[in-house]
Amino acid sequence: MTIVAPDGQPHVVTLEAGADGESHRISSDTTASVRLIGSGLQTTFKGPSGRSDVQTCTVSADHQKMTCKGVLTDGAGHTASYVDVYDRM
């Protein structure tokens, strides 16, 4: 997926993993797992010190928009919910 930031800079994000819920190392200190949840895809990223990001993404019926709802955890008991909406270009 290519994300275009508000400043116009593109950022490419890729993750190759089976949707089997198994953790895969994506960097020296971070793992990711992916699994199907109904019609969505849930991705869990786990980093150092208990930090995590759990998001569930769904695609609109016309395949023009993807919405990801997630929760960031800092490992110290603090959480932040977020919603990202991506438009197909």
PDB file of N, CA and C in Angstrom:
ATOM      1  N   MET A   1       0.847  -1.144   0.000  1.00  0.00           N
ATOM      2  CA  MET A   1       0.000   0.000   0.000  1.00  0.00           C
ATOM      3  C   MET A   1       0.903   1.220   0.000  1.00  0.00           C
ATOM      4  N   THR A   2       0.515   2.236  -0.740  1.00  0.00           N
ATOM      5  CA  THR A   2       1.233   3.506  -0.728  1.00  0.00           C
ATOM      6  C   THR A   2       0.380   4.534  -0.004  1.00  0.00           C
ATOM      7  N   ILE A   3       0.946   5.127   1.039  1.00  0.00           N
ATOM      8  CA  ILE A   3       0.260   6.161   1.803  1.00  0.00           C
ATOM      9  C   ILE A   3       0.880   7.491   1.410  1.00  0.00           C
ATOM     10  N   VAL A   4       0.032   8.450   1.047  1.00  0.00           N
ATOM     11  CA  VAL A   4       0.522   9.780   0.712  1.00  0.00           C
ATOM     12  C   VAL A   4       0.211  10.690   1.896  1.00  0.00           C
ATOM     13  N   ALA A   5       1.261  11.197   2.522  1.00  0.00           N
ATOM     14  CA  ALA A   5       1.125  12.054   3.698  1.00  0.00           C
ATOM     15  C   ALA A   5       0.608  13.431   3.288  1.00  0.00           C
ATOM     16  N   PRO A   6       0.109  14.215   4.250  1.00  0.00           N
ATOM     17  CA  PRO A   6      -0.400  15.554   3.926  1.00  0.00           C
ATOM     18  C   PRO A   6       0.610  16.438   3.196  1.00  0.00           C
ATOM     19  N   ASP A   7       1.904  16.199   3.410  1.00  0.00           N
ATOM     20  CA  ASP A   7       2.920  16.999   2.718  1.00  0.00           C
ATOM     21  C   ASP A   7       3.196  16.499   1.302  1.00  0.00           C
ATOM     22  N   GLY A   8       2.429  15.469   0.865  1.00  0.00           N
ATOM     23  CA  GLY A   8       2.578  14.938  -0.481  1.00  0.00           C
ATOM     24  C   GLY A   8       3.606  13.840  -0.624  1.00  0.00           C
ATOM     25  N   GLN A   9       4.319  13.516   0.436  1.00  0.00           N
ATOM     26  CA  GLN A   9       5.346  12.476   0.383  1.00  0.00           C
ATOM     27  C   GLN A   9       4.701  11.091   0.432  1.00  0.00           C
ATOM     28  N   PRO A  10       5.028  10.228  -0.529  1.00  0.00           N
ATOM     29  CA  PRO A  10       4.493   8.865  -0.495  1.00  0.00           C
ATOM     30  C   PRO A  10       5.321   7.970   0.429  1.00  0.00           C
ATOM     31  N   HIS A  11       4.648   7.073   1.106  1.00  0.00           N
ATOM     32  CA  HIS A  11       5.297   6.084   1.967  1.00  0.00           C
ATOM     33  C   HIS A  11       4.715   4.724   1.603  1.00  0.00           C
ATOM     34  N   VAL A  12       5.576   3.792   1.227  1.00  0.00           N
ATOM     35  CA  VAL A  12       5.130   2.458   0.848  1.00  0.00           C
ATOM     36  C   VAL A  12       5.224   1.546   2.060  1.00  0.00           C
ATOM     37  N   VAL A  13       4.119   0.860   2.351  1.00  0.00           N
ATOM     38  CA  VAL A  13       4.057  -0.076   3.466  1.00  0.00           C
ATOM     39  C   VAL A  13       3.718  -1.443   2.896  1.00  0.00           C
ATOM     40  N   THR A  14       4.552  -2.443   3.182  1.00  0.00           N
ATOM     41  CA  THR A  14       4.275  -3.795   2.716  1.00  0.00           C
ATOM     42  C   THR A  14       4.400  -4.774   3.873  1.00  0.00           C
ATOM     43  N   LEU A  15       3.621  -5.817   3.800  1.00  0.00           N
ATOM     44  CA  LEU A  15       3.689  -6.896   4.776  1.00  0.00           C
ATOM     45  C   LEU A  15       3.264  -8.160   4.058  1.00  0.00           C
ATOM     46  N   GLU A  16       4.157  -9.128   3.999  1.00  0.00           N
ATOM     47  CA  GLU A  16       3.843 -10.408   3.387  1.00  0.00           C
ATOM     48  C   GLU A  16       3.756 -11.445   4.485  1.00  0.00           C
ATOM     49  N   ALA A  17       2.556 -11.940   4.714  1.00  0.00           N
ATOM     50  CA  ALA A  17       2.345 -12.956   5.744  1.00  0.00           C
ATOM     51  C   ALA A  17       1.023 -13.643   5.473  1.00  0.00           C
ATOM     52  N   GLY A  18       0.953 -14.899   5.826  1.00  0.00           N
ATOM     53  CA  GLY A  18      -0.304 -15.613   5.734  1.00  0.00           C
ATOM     54  C   GLY A  18      -1.262 -15.088   6.791  1.00  0.00           C
ATOM     55  N   ALA A  19      -2.544 -15.156   6.512  1.00  0.00           N
ATOM     56  CA  ALA A  19      -3.553 -14.676   7.465  1.00  0.00           C
ATOM     57  C   ALA A  19      -3.888 -15.774   8.467  1.00  0.00           C
ATOM     58  N   ASP A  20      -2.842 -16.330   9.084  1.00  0.00           N
ATOM     59  CA  ASP A  20      -3.010 -17.462   9.989  1.00  0.00           C
ATOM     60  C   ASP A  20      -2.809 -17.102  11.455  1.00  0.00           C
ATOM     61  N   GLY A  21      -2.568 -15.820  11.751  1.00  0.00           N
ATOM     62  CA  GLY A  21      -2.374 -15.386  13.128  1.00  0.00           C
ATOM     63  C   GLY A  21      -0.982 -15.624  13.680  1.00  0.00           C
ATOM     64  N   GLU A  22      -0.094 -16.221  12.884  1.00  0.00           N
ATOM     65  CA  GLU A  22       1.275 -16.477  13.338  1.00  0.00           C
ATOM     66  C   GLU A  22       2.092 -15.189  13.309  1.00  0.00           C
ATOM     67  N   SER A  23       2.941 -14.996  14.312  1.00  0.00           N
ATOM     68  CA  SER A  23       3.800 -13.813  14.366  1.00  0.00           C
ATOM     69  C   SER A  23       4.996 -13.976  13.443  1.00  0.00           C
ATOM     70  N   HIS A  24       5.324 -12.888  12.736  1.00  0.00           N
ATOM     71  CA  HIS A  24       6.470 -12.852  11.832  1.00  0.00           C
ATOM     72  C   HIS A  24       7.316 -11.632  12.176  1.00  0.00           C
ATOM     73  N   ARG A  25       8.624 -11.816  12.257  1.00  0.00           N
ATOM     74  CA  ARG A  25       9.521 -10.700  12.551  1.00  0.00           C
ATOM     75  C   ARG A  25       9.591  -9.787  11.329  1.00  0.00           C
ATOM     76  N   ILE A  26       9.341  -8.481  11.539  1.00  0.00           N
ATOM     77  CA  ILE A  26       9.419  -7.522  10.431  1.00  0.00           C
ATOM     78  C   ILE A  26      10.561  -6.531  10.621  1.00  0.00           C
ATOM     79  N   SER A  27      11.157  -6.512  11.805  1.00  0.00           N
ATOM     80  CA  SER A  27      12.362  -5.723  12.060  1.00  0.00           C
ATOM     81  C   SER A  27      13.064  -6.364  13.252  1.00  0.00           C
ATOM     82  N   SER A  28      14.162  -5.776  13.685  1.00  0.00           N
ATOM     83  CA  SER A  28      14.932  -6.382  14.774  1.00  0.00           C
ATOM     84  C   SER A  28      14.160  -6.452  16.084  1.00  0.00           C
ATOM     85  N   ASP A  29      13.153  -5.587  16.265  1.00  0.00           N
ATOM     86  CA  ASP A  29      12.434  -5.581  17.541  1.00  0.00           C
ATOM     87  C   ASP A  29      10.911  -5.590  17.412  1.00  0.00           C
ATOM     88  N   THR A  30      10.395  -5.890  16.213  1.00  0.00           N
ATOM     89  CA  THR A  30       8.950  -5.840  15.997  1.00  0.00           C
ATOM     90  C   THR A  30       8.471  -7.084  15.258  1.00  0.00           C
ATOM     91  N   THR A  31       7.323  -7.614  15.710  1.00  0.00           N
ATOM     92  CA  THR A  31       6.677  -8.723  15.017  1.00  0.00           C
ATOM     93  C   THR A  31       5.300  -8.272  14.540  1.00  0.00           C
ATOM     94  N   ALA A  32       4.784  -8.979  13.540  1.00  0.00           N
ATOM     95  CA  ALA A  32       3.449  -8.703  13.022  1.00  0.00           C
ATOM     96  C   ALA A  32       2.737 -10.020  12.786  1.00  0.00           C
ATOM     97  N   SER A  33       1.440 -10.022  13.031  1.00  0.00           N
ATOM     98  CA  SER A  33       0.613 -11.177  12.706  1.00  0.00           C
ATOM     99  C   SER A  33      -0.644 -10.674  12.017  1.00  0.00           C
ATOM    100  N   VAL A  34      -1.203 -11.527  11.162  1.00  0.00           N
ATOM    101  CA  VAL A  34      -2.376 -11.169  10.375  1.00  0.00           C
ATOM    102  C   VAL A  34      -3.366 -12.314  10.456  1.00  0.00           C
ATOM    103  N   ARG A  35      -4.655 -11.969  10.588  1.00  0.00           N
ATOM    104  CA  ARG A  35      -5.689 -13.003  10.529  1.00  0.00           C
ATOM    105  C   ARG A  35      -6.979 -12.409   9.997  1.00  0.00           C
ATOM    106  N   LEU A  36      -7.787 -13.267   9.390  1.00  0.00           N
ATOM    107  CA  LEU A  36      -9.084 -12.846   8.871  1.00  0.00           C
ATOM    108  C   LEU A  36     -10.082 -12.787  10.014  1.00  0.00           C
ATOM    109  N   ILE A  37     -10.841 -11.704  10.064  1.00  0.00           N
ATOM    110  CA  ILE A  37     -11.901 -11.518  11.050  1.00  0.00           C
ATOM    111  C   ILE A  37     -13.151 -11.155  10.260  1.00  0.00           C
ATOM    112  N   GLY A  38     -14.039 -12.118  10.048  1.00  0.00           N
ATOM    113  CA  GLY A  38     -15.221 -11.847   9.233  1.00  0.00           C
ATOM    114  C   GLY A  38     -14.794 -11.415   7.847  1.00  0.00           C
ATOM    115  N   SER A  39     -15.231 -10.228   7.434  1.00  0.00           N
ATOM    116  CA  SER A  39     -14.847  -9.711   6.116  1.00  0.00           C
ATOM    117  C   SER A  39     -13.664  -8.754   6.207  1.00  0.00           C
ATOM    118  N   GLY A  40     -13.025  -8.700   7.369  1.00  0.00           N
ATOM    119  CA  GLY A  40     -11.892  -7.796   7.561  1.00  0.00           C
ATOM    120  C   GLY A  40     -10.597  -8.540   7.803  1.00  0.00           C
ATOM    121  N   LEU A  41      -9.549  -7.777   7.907  1.00  0.00           N
ATOM    122  CA  LEU A  41      -8.214  -8.305   8.154  1.00  0.00           C
ATOM    123  C   LEU A  41      -7.683  -7.632   9.409  1.00  0.00           C
ATOM    124  N   GLN A  42      -7.325  -8.427  10.411  1.00  0.00           N
ATOM    125  CA  GLN A  42      -6.775  -7.877  11.646  1.00  0.00           C
ATOM    126  C   GLN A  42      -5.267  -8.068  11.642  1.00  0.00           C
ATOM    127  N   THR A  43      -4.545  -6.975  11.874  1.00  0.00           N
ATOM    128  CA  THR A  43      -3.091  -7.002  11.928  1.00  0.00           C
ATOM    129  C   THR A  43      -2.654  -6.551  13.307  1.00  0.00           C
ATOM    130  N   THR A  44      -1.733  -7.306  13.906  1.00  0.00           N
ATOM    131  CA  THR A  44      -1.204  -6.966  15.222  1.00  0.00           C
ATOM    132  C   THR A  44       0.298  -6.783  15.113  1.00  0.00           C
ATOM    133  N   PHE A  45       0.759  -5.616  15.504  1.00  0.00           N
ATOM    134  CA  PHE A  45       2.188  -5.316  15.555  1.00  0.00           C
ATOM    135  C   PHE A  45       2.595  -5.268  17.018  1.00  0.00           C
ATOM    136  N   LYS A  46       3.660  -5.964  17.378  1.00  0.00           N
ATOM    137  CA  LYS A  46       4.167  -5.944  18.752  1.00  0.00           C
ATOM    138  C   LYS A  46       5.618  -5.511  18.729  1.00  0.00           C
ATOM    139  N   GLY A  47       5.913  -4.496  19.549  1.00  0.00           N
ATOM    140  CA  GLY A  47       7.256  -3.949  19.605  1.00  0.00           C
ATOM    141  C   GLY A  47       7.861  -4.096  20.982  1.00  0.00           C
ATOM    142  N   PRO A  48       8.962  -3.410  21.197  1.00  0.00           N
ATOM    143  CA  PRO A  48       9.666  -3.512  22.477  1.00  0.00           C
ATOM    144  C   PRO A  48       8.853  -2.908  23.624  1.00  0.00           C
ATOM    145  N   SER A  49       9.133  -3.365  24.817  1.00  0.00           N
ATOM    146  CA  SER A  49       8.537  -2.826  26.049  1.00  0.00           C
ATOM    147  C   SER A  49       7.021  -2.922  26.089  1.00  0.00           C
ATOM    148  N   GLY A  50       6.454  -3.898  25.390  1.00  0.00           N
ATOM    149  CA  GLY A  50       5.013  -4.102  25.449  1.00  0.00           C
ATOM    150  C   GLY A  50       4.190  -3.204  24.551  1.00  0.00           C
ATOM    151  N   ARG A  51       4.831  -2.424  23.701  1.00  0.00           N
ATOM    152  CA  ARG A  51       4.067  -1.574  22.780  1.00  0.00           C
ATOM    153  C   ARG A  51       3.396  -2.433  21.722  1.00  0.00           C
ATOM    154  N   SER A  52       2.181  -2.027  21.319  1.00  0.00           N
ATOM    155  CA  SER A  52       1.478  -2.779  20.284  1.00  0.00           C
ATOM    156  C   SER A  52       0.530  -1.870  19.509  1.00  0.00           C
ATOM    157  N   ASP A  53       0.142  -2.361  18.350  1.00  0.00           N
ATOM    158  CA  ASP A  53      -0.835  -1.698  17.492  1.00  0.00           C
ATOM    159  C   ASP A  53      -1.690  -2.813  16.915  1.00  0.00           C
ATOM    160  N   VAL A  54      -2.974  -2.819  17.263  1.00  0.00           N
ATOM    161  CA  VAL A  54      -3.908  -3.821  16.747  1.00  0.00           C
ATOM    162  C   VAL A  54      -4.928  -3.074  15.902  1.00  0.00           C
ATOM    163  N   GLN A  55      -5.017  -3.451  14.618  1.00  0.00           N
ATOM    164  CA  GLN A  55      -5.963  -2.776  13.735  1.00  0.00           C
ATOM    165  C   GLN A  55      -6.745  -3.787  12.920  1.00  0.00           C
ATOM    166  N   THR A  56      -7.995  -3.430  12.629  1.00  0.00           N
ATOM    167  CA  THR A  56      -8.839  -4.235  11.765  1.00  0.00           C
ATOM    168  C   THR A  56      -9.241  -3.370  10.582  1.00  0.00           C
ATOM    169  N   CYS A  57      -8.963  -3.876   9.376  1.00  0.00           N
ATOM    170  CA  CYS A  57      -9.234  -3.121   8.153  1.00  0.00           C
ATOM    171  C   CYS A  57     -10.320  -3.806   7.339  1.00  0.00           C
ATOM    172  N   THR A  58     -11.216  -2.996   6.782  1.00  0.00           N
ATOM    173  CA  THR A  58     -12.253  -3.488   5.887  1.00  0.00           C
ATOM    174  C   THR A  58     -12.249  -2.627   4.631  1.00  0.00           C
ATOM    175  N   VAL A  59     -12.679  -3.227   3.526  1.00  0.00           N
ATOM    176  CA  VAL A  59     -12.727  -2.534   2.241  1.00  0.00           C
ATOM    177  C   VAL A  59     -14.185  -2.295   1.885  1.00  0.00           C
ATOM    178  N   SER A  60     -14.476  -1.101   1.350  1.00  0.00           N
ATOM    179  CA  SER A  60     -15.844  -0.759   0.966  1.00  0.00           C
ATOM    180  C   SER A  60     -16.327  -1.675  -0.156  1.00  0.00           C
ATOM    181  N   ALA A  61     -17.648  -1.752  -0.316  1.00  0.00           N
ATOM    182  CA  ALA A  61     -18.250  -2.632  -1.319  1.00  0.00           C
ATOM    183  C   ALA A  61     -17.768  -2.308  -2.730  1.00  0.00           C
ATOM    184  N   ASP A  62     -17.486  -1.027  -3.010  1.00  0.00           N
ATOM    185  CA  ASP A  62     -17.016  -0.651  -4.348  1.00  0.00           C
ATOM    186  C   ASP A  62     -15.492  -0.704  -4.478  1.00  0.00           C
ATOM    187  N   HIS A  63     -14.814  -1.180  -3.436  1.00  0.00           N
ATOM    188  CA  HIS A  63     -13.355  -1.353  -3.408  1.00  0.00           C
ATOM    189  C   HIS A  63     -12.581  -0.050  -3.588  1.00  0.00           C
ATOM    190  N   GLN A  64     -13.198   1.075  -3.292  1.00  0.00           N
ATOM    191  CA  GLN A  64     -12.539   2.367  -3.465  1.00  0.00           C
ATOM    192  C   GLN A  64     -12.000   2.947  -2.165  1.00  0.00           C
ATOM    193  N   LYS A  65     -12.361   2.336  -1.026  1.00  0.00           N
ATOM    194  CA  LYS A  65     -11.958   2.892   0.260  1.00  0.00           C
ATOM    195  C   LYS A  65     -11.658   1.756   1.229  1.00  0.00           C
ATOM    196  N   MET A  66     -10.589   1.914   2.000  1.00  0.00           N
ATOM    197  CA  MET A  66     -10.271   0.964   3.061  1.00  0.00           C
ATOM    198  C   MET A  66     -10.263   1.732   4.378  1.00  0.00           C
ATOM    199  N   THR A  67     -10.970   1.191   5.366  1.00  0.00           N
ATOM    200  CA  THR A  67     -11.035   1.812   6.684  1.00  0.00           C
ATOM    201  C   THR A  67     -10.377   0.885   7.691  1.00  0.00           C
ATOM    202  N   CYS A  68      -9.431   1.431   8.454  1.00  0.00           N
ATOM    203  CA  CYS A  68      -8.732   0.666   9.485  1.00  0.00           C
ATOM    204  C   CYS A  68      -9.008   1.310  10.838  1.00  0.00           C
ATOM    205  N   LYS A  69      -9.510   0.505  11.755  1.00  0.00           N
ATOM    206  CA  LYS A  69      -9.754   0.965  13.123  1.00  0.00           C
ATOM    207  C   LYS A  69      -8.782   0.228  14.018  1.00  0.00           C
ATOM    208  N   GLY A  70      -8.111   0.968  14.901  1.00  0.00           N
ATOM    209  CA  GLY A  70      -7.098   0.325  15.718  1.00  0.00           C
ATOM    210  C   GLY A  70      -6.947   0.930  17.091  1.00  0.00           C
ATOM    211  N   VAL A  71      -6.098   0.261  17.863  1.00  0.00           N
ATOM    212  CA  VAL A  71      -5.759   0.714  19.206  1.00  0.00           C
ATOM    213  C   VAL A  71      -4.248   0.594  19.373  1.00  0.00           C
ATOM    214  N   LEU A  72      -3.621   1.700  19.730  1.00  0.00           N
ATOM    215  CA  LEU A  72      -2.197   1.723  20.062  1.00  0.00           C
ATOM    216  C   LEU A  72      -2.054   1.579  21.569  1.00  0.00           C
ATOM    217  N   THR A  73      -1.100   0.770  22.008  1.00  0.00           N
ATOM    218  CA  THR A  73      -0.804   0.593  23.428  1.00  0.00           C
ATOM    219  C   THR A  73       0.671   0.882  23.633  1.00  0.00           C
ATOM    220  N   ASP A  74       0.985   1.672  24.668  1.00  0.00           N
ATOM    221  CA  ASP A  74       2.380   2.071  24.878  1.00  0.00           C
ATOM    222  C   ASP A  74       3.158   1.146  25.801  1.00  0.00           C
ATOM    223  N   GLY A  75       2.528   0.107  26.318  1.00  0.00           N
ATOM    224  CA  GLY A  75       3.215  -0.818  27.209  1.00  0.00           C
ATOM    225  C   GLY A  75       3.165  -0.408  28.660  1.00  0.00           C
ATOM    226  N   ALA A  76       2.667   0.798  28.938  1.00  0.00           N
ATOM    227  CA  ALA A  76       2.561   1.285  30.316  1.00  0.00           C
ATOM    228  C   ALA A  76       1.100   1.449  30.729  1.00  0.00           C
ATOM    229  N   GLY A  77       0.197   0.822  29.963  1.00  0.00           N
ATOM    230  CA  GLY A  77      -1.219   0.888  30.298  1.00  0.00           C
ATOM    231  C   GLY A  77      -1.989   1.995  29.610  1.00  0.00           C
ATOM    232  N   HIS A  78      -1.337   2.786  28.766  1.00  0.00           N
ATOM    233  CA  HIS A  78      -2.009   3.861  28.044  1.00  0.00           C
ATOM    234  C   HIS A  78      -2.396   3.370  26.652  1.00  0.00           C
ATOM    235  N   THR A  79      -3.606   3.706  26.237  1.00  0.00           N
ATOM    236  CA  THR A  79      -4.065   3.321  24.908  1.00  0.00           C
ATOM    237  C   THR A  79      -4.617   4.535  24.169  1.00  0.00           C
ATOM    238  N   ALA A  80      -4.619   4.439  22.859  1.00  0.00           N
ATOM    239  CA  ALA A  80      -5.209   5.471  22.003  1.00  0.00           C
ATOM    240  C   ALA A  80      -5.881   4.769  20.833  1.00  0.00           C
ATOM    241  N   SER A  81      -7.153   5.061  20.632  1.00  0.00           N
ATOM    242  CA  SER A  81      -7.892   4.504  19.502  1.00  0.00           C
ATOM    243  C   SER A  81      -7.749   5.434  18.305  1.00  0.00           C
ATOM    244  N   TYR A  82      -7.794   4.856  17.110  1.00  0.00           N
ATOM    245  CA  TYR A  82      -7.681   5.670  15.900  1.00  0.00           C
ATOM    246  C   TYR A  82      -8.467   5.036  14.771  1.00  0.00           C
ATOM    247  N   VAL A  83      -8.754   5.836  13.761  1.00  0.00           N
ATOM    248  CA  VAL A  83      -9.383   5.373  12.525  1.00  0.00           C
ATOM    249  C   VAL A  83      -8.598   5.987  11.372  1.00  0.00           C
ATOM    250  N   ASP A  84      -8.139   5.144  10.447  1.00  0.00           N
ATOM    251  CA  ASP A  84      -7.473   5.596   9.224  1.00  0.00           C
ATOM    252  C   ASP A  84      -8.369   5.235   8.053  1.00  0.00           C
ATOM    253  N   VAL A  85      -8.548   6.160   7.120  1.00  0.00           N
ATOM    254  CA  VAL A  85      -9.342   5.903   5.924  1.00  0.00           C
ATOM    255  C   VAL A  85      -8.444   6.144   4.717  1.00  0.00           C
ATOM    256  N   TYR A  86      -8.360   5.140   3.851  1.00  0.00           N
ATOM    257  CA  TYR A  86      -7.514   5.207   2.658  1.00  0.00           C
ATOM    258  C   TYR A  86      -8.397   5.179   1.418  1.00  0.00           C
ATOM    259  N   ASP A  87      -8.169   6.113   0.504  1.00  0.00           N
ATOM    260  CA  ASP A  87      -8.884   6.145  -0.765  1.00  0.00           C
ATOM    261  C   ASP A  87      -8.004   5.548  -1.845  1.00  0.00           C
ATOM    262  N   ARG A  88      -8.610   4.756  -2.720  1.00  0.00           N
ATOM    263  CA  ARG A  88      -7.867   4.200  -3.853  1.00  0.00           C
ATOM    264  C   ARG A  88      -7.534   5.326  -4.812  1.00  0.00           C
ATOM    265  N   MET A  89      -6.319   5.307  -5.297  1.00  0.00           N
ATOM    266  CA  MET A  89      -5.884   6.375  -6.216  1.00  0.00           C
ATOM    267  C   MET A  89      -5.916   5.883  -7.640  1.00  0.00           C
TER     268      MET A  89
END
